[in-house]
Amino acid sequence: MTFRSHMDAALAQARAAARRGEVPVGAVLVAPDGSEVARAGNRTRELDDPTAHAEILTIRAACRAAGSERLPGHALYVTLEPCPMCAAAIGFARIARLVYGAADPKSGGVAHGPRIFTHPQCHHRPEVIEGIAEAEAERLLRDFFARRR
């Protein structure tokens, strides 16, 4: 099997989020056949919804399209390590693979913080690949927050 990254599409969603004044995080969900099923960037401010993270919006759209609350065999590409809420949603959706760019030592929930997938209560643990397009994802975040200060 050949690994094909969809991180460029996630980065495009992150850039669009930044243009909207949102924290630049983007996500893309890919079906087992390699086709992109859903994509989104953060919209917490736009929607006045603290749960409107890129991952959650992408999972919601993909589940609606699939007619199911589960997405087995799918891969989620995210520009930033998911927070605990998003990591839990990834597990609940039974997503097979999580690929993310930048680590998030402050708010991450996969490799940092509560490390959601290591808990005994976690019923599904996706394969996790970290550091894909890490430098570009970090740059987007750093530039965004530098402009806000």
Protein backbone atom coordinates (compact mmCIF):
# COMPACT_ATOMS: atom_id res chain seq x y z
CA MET A 1 0.00 0.00 0.00
CA THR A 2 1.27 3.47 -0.91
CA PHE A 3 0.82 6.33 1.53
CA ARG A 4 -0.67 9.43 -0.08
CA SER A 5 -0.91 12.48 2.12
CA HIS A 6 -3.95 14.72 1.97
CA MET A 7 -2.32 17.26 4.26
CA ASP A 8 -2.16 19.89 1.49
CA ALA A 9 -5.96 19.94 1.43
CA ALA A 10 -6.07 20.24 5.23
CA LEU A 11 -3.57 23.11 5.08
CA ALA A 12 -5.77 24.87 2.50
CA GLN A 13 -8.68 24.61 4.97
CA ALA A 14 -6.46 26.00 7.73
CA ARG A 15 -5.49 28.98 5.55
CA ALA A 16 -9.16 29.64 4.78
CA ALA A 17 -9.95 29.51 8.51
CA ALA A 18 -7.23 32.10 9.20
CA ARG A 19 -8.70 34.41 6.55
CA ARG A 20 -12.03 34.18 8.41
CA GLY A 21 -10.30 35.15 11.67
CA GLU A 22 -10.44 31.62 13.04
CA VAL A 23 -7.51 29.70 14.52
CA PRO A 24 -5.93 28.13 11.42
CA VAL A 25 -6.74 24.46 11.78
CA GLY A 26 -7.98 22.40 8.86
CA ALA A 27 -9.12 18.81 8.46
CA VAL A 28 -9.88 16.41 5.61
CA LEU A 29 -11.50 12.99 5.91
CA VAL A 30 -10.54 10.37 3.34
CA ALA A 31 -12.49 7.21 2.52
CA PRO A 32 -10.81 3.79 2.29
CA ASP A 33 -10.69 4.17 -1.52
CA GLY A 34 -8.63 7.38 -1.15
CA SER A 35 -11.37 9.82 -2.08
CA GLU A 36 -11.93 12.92 0.03
CA VAL A 37 -15.28 12.68 1.79
CA ALA A 38 -15.37 15.93 3.79
CA ARG A 39 -13.20 18.90 4.69
CA ALA A 40 -13.48 21.87 7.00
CA GLY A 41 -11.59 24.53 8.87
CA ASN A 42 -12.28 25.88 12.34
CA ARG A 43 -15.52 27.90 12.61
CA THR A 44 -15.91 28.37 16.37
CA ARG A 45 -16.20 32.17 16.17
CA GLU A 46 -18.29 32.25 13.02
CA LEU A 47 -20.83 29.76 14.39
CA ASP A 48 -20.59 30.85 18.05
CA ASP A 49 -19.96 27.19 18.80
CA PRO A 50 -17.03 26.00 20.92
CA THR A 51 -17.36 22.55 19.37
CA ALA A 52 -17.01 23.79 15.77
CA HIS A 53 -13.42 22.56 15.46
CA ALA A 54 -12.24 21.48 12.01
CA GLU A 55 -12.24 17.83 13.03
CA ILE A 56 -15.77 17.88 14.45
CA LEU A 57 -17.20 19.68 11.42
CA THR A 58 -15.47 17.24 9.08
CA ILE A 59 -16.65 14.18 11.01
CA ARG A 60 -20.22 15.52 11.13
CA ALA A 61 -20.30 16.12 7.37
CA ALA A 62 -18.81 12.70 6.61
CA CYS A 63 -21.25 10.91 8.92
CA ARG A 64 -24.19 12.69 7.28
CA ALA A 65 -22.89 11.68 3.84
CA ALA A 66 -22.38 8.08 4.98
CA GLY A 67 -25.67 7.87 6.84
CA SER A 68 -23.81 6.44 9.82
CA GLU A 69 -22.17 7.58 13.04
CA ARG A 70 -19.17 5.38 12.27
CA LEU A 71 -16.48 5.81 9.64
CA PRO A 72 -14.42 2.59 9.70
CA GLY A 73 -11.49 2.49 7.32
CA HIS A 74 -11.39 6.27 6.96
CA ALA A 75 -8.37 8.50 7.57
CA LEU A 76 -8.51 11.98 9.10
CA TYR A 77 -5.84 14.52 8.19
CA VAL A 78 -5.56 17.48 10.59
CA THR A 79 -3.04 20.29 10.66
CA LEU A 80 -2.83 20.35 14.48
CA GLU A 81 -2.85 17.59 17.08
CA PRO A 82 -6.50 17.12 18.06
CA CYS A 83 -7.72 18.38 21.41
CA PRO A 84 -9.28 15.90 23.86
CA MET A 85 -12.82 16.58 22.56
CA CYS A 86 -11.81 15.92 18.97
CA ALA A 87 -9.71 12.89 19.89
CA ALA A 88 -12.73 11.38 21.65
CA ALA A 89 -14.92 12.07 18.60
CA ILE A 90 -12.34 10.40 16.36
CA GLY A 91 -12.52 7.31 18.56
CA PHE A 92 -16.33 7.35 18.70
CA ALA A 93 -16.46 7.57 14.89
CA ARG A 94 -14.11 4.57 14.65
CA ILE A 95 -11.79 6.40 12.26
CA ALA A 96 -8.96 4.05 11.32
CA ARG A 97 -6.08 6.51 10.93
CA LEU A 98 -5.31 9.96 12.31
CA VAL A 99 -2.61 11.96 10.54
CA TYR A 100 -1.67 15.33 11.99
CA GLY A 101 0.92 18.02 11.42
CA ALA A 102 1.90 20.20 14.37
CA ALA A 103 2.04 18.94 17.94
CA ASP A 104 0.00 20.84 20.54
CA PRO A 105 1.72 20.57 23.93
CA LYS A 106 -0.71 23.10 25.46
CA SER A 107 -4.09 21.74 24.31
CA GLY A 108 -3.47 18.45 22.53
CA GLY A 109 -5.23 15.29 23.53
CA VAL A 110 -3.35 12.61 21.56
CA ALA A 111 0.39 12.82 22.30
CA HIS A 112 0.00 15.46 25.03
CA GLY A 113 -2.38 16.21 27.87
CA PRO A 114 -4.82 13.39 28.59
CA ARG A 115 -3.63 11.15 25.69
CA ILE A 116 -7.19 10.01 25.02
CA PHE A 117 -6.28 6.89 23.03
CA THR A 118 -4.26 5.41 25.91
CA HIS A 119 -7.18 5.30 28.37
CA PRO A 120 -8.82 1.96 29.14
CA GLN A 121 -12.20 3.64 28.55
CA CYS A 122 -11.22 4.35 24.95
CA HIS A 123 -13.00 1.74 22.83
CA HIS A 124 -11.17 2.49 19.58
CA ARG A 125 -7.57 3.50 18.97
CA PRO A 126 -6.75 4.73 15.48
CA GLU A 127 -3.34 4.41 13.93
CA VAL A 128 -1.65 7.76 14.58
CA ILE A 129 0.89 9.37 12.26
CA GLU A 130 2.27 12.68 13.47
CA GLY A 131 4.51 15.37 12.01
CA ILE A 132 3.24 15.39 8.40
CA ALA A 133 3.76 18.95 7.04
CA GLU A 134 4.58 19.95 10.60
CA ALA A 135 6.68 23.01 9.70
CA GLU A 136 3.97 24.53 7.49
CA ALA A 137 1.24 23.88 10.06
CA GLU A 138 3.36 25.43 12.82
CA ARG A 139 4.13 28.45 10.63
CA LEU A 140 0.43 29.09 9.96
CA LEU A 141 -0.33 29.03 13.67
CA ARG A 142 2.69 31.12 14.67
CA ASP A 143 1.94 33.78 12.03
CA PHE A 144 -1.75 33.89 12.95
CA PHE A 145 -1.08 34.47 16.65
CA ALA A 146 1.75 36.94 15.96
CA ARG A 147 -0.70 39.11 13.97
CA ARG A 148 -3.22 39.01 16.83
CA ARG A 149 -0.76 40.22 19.48
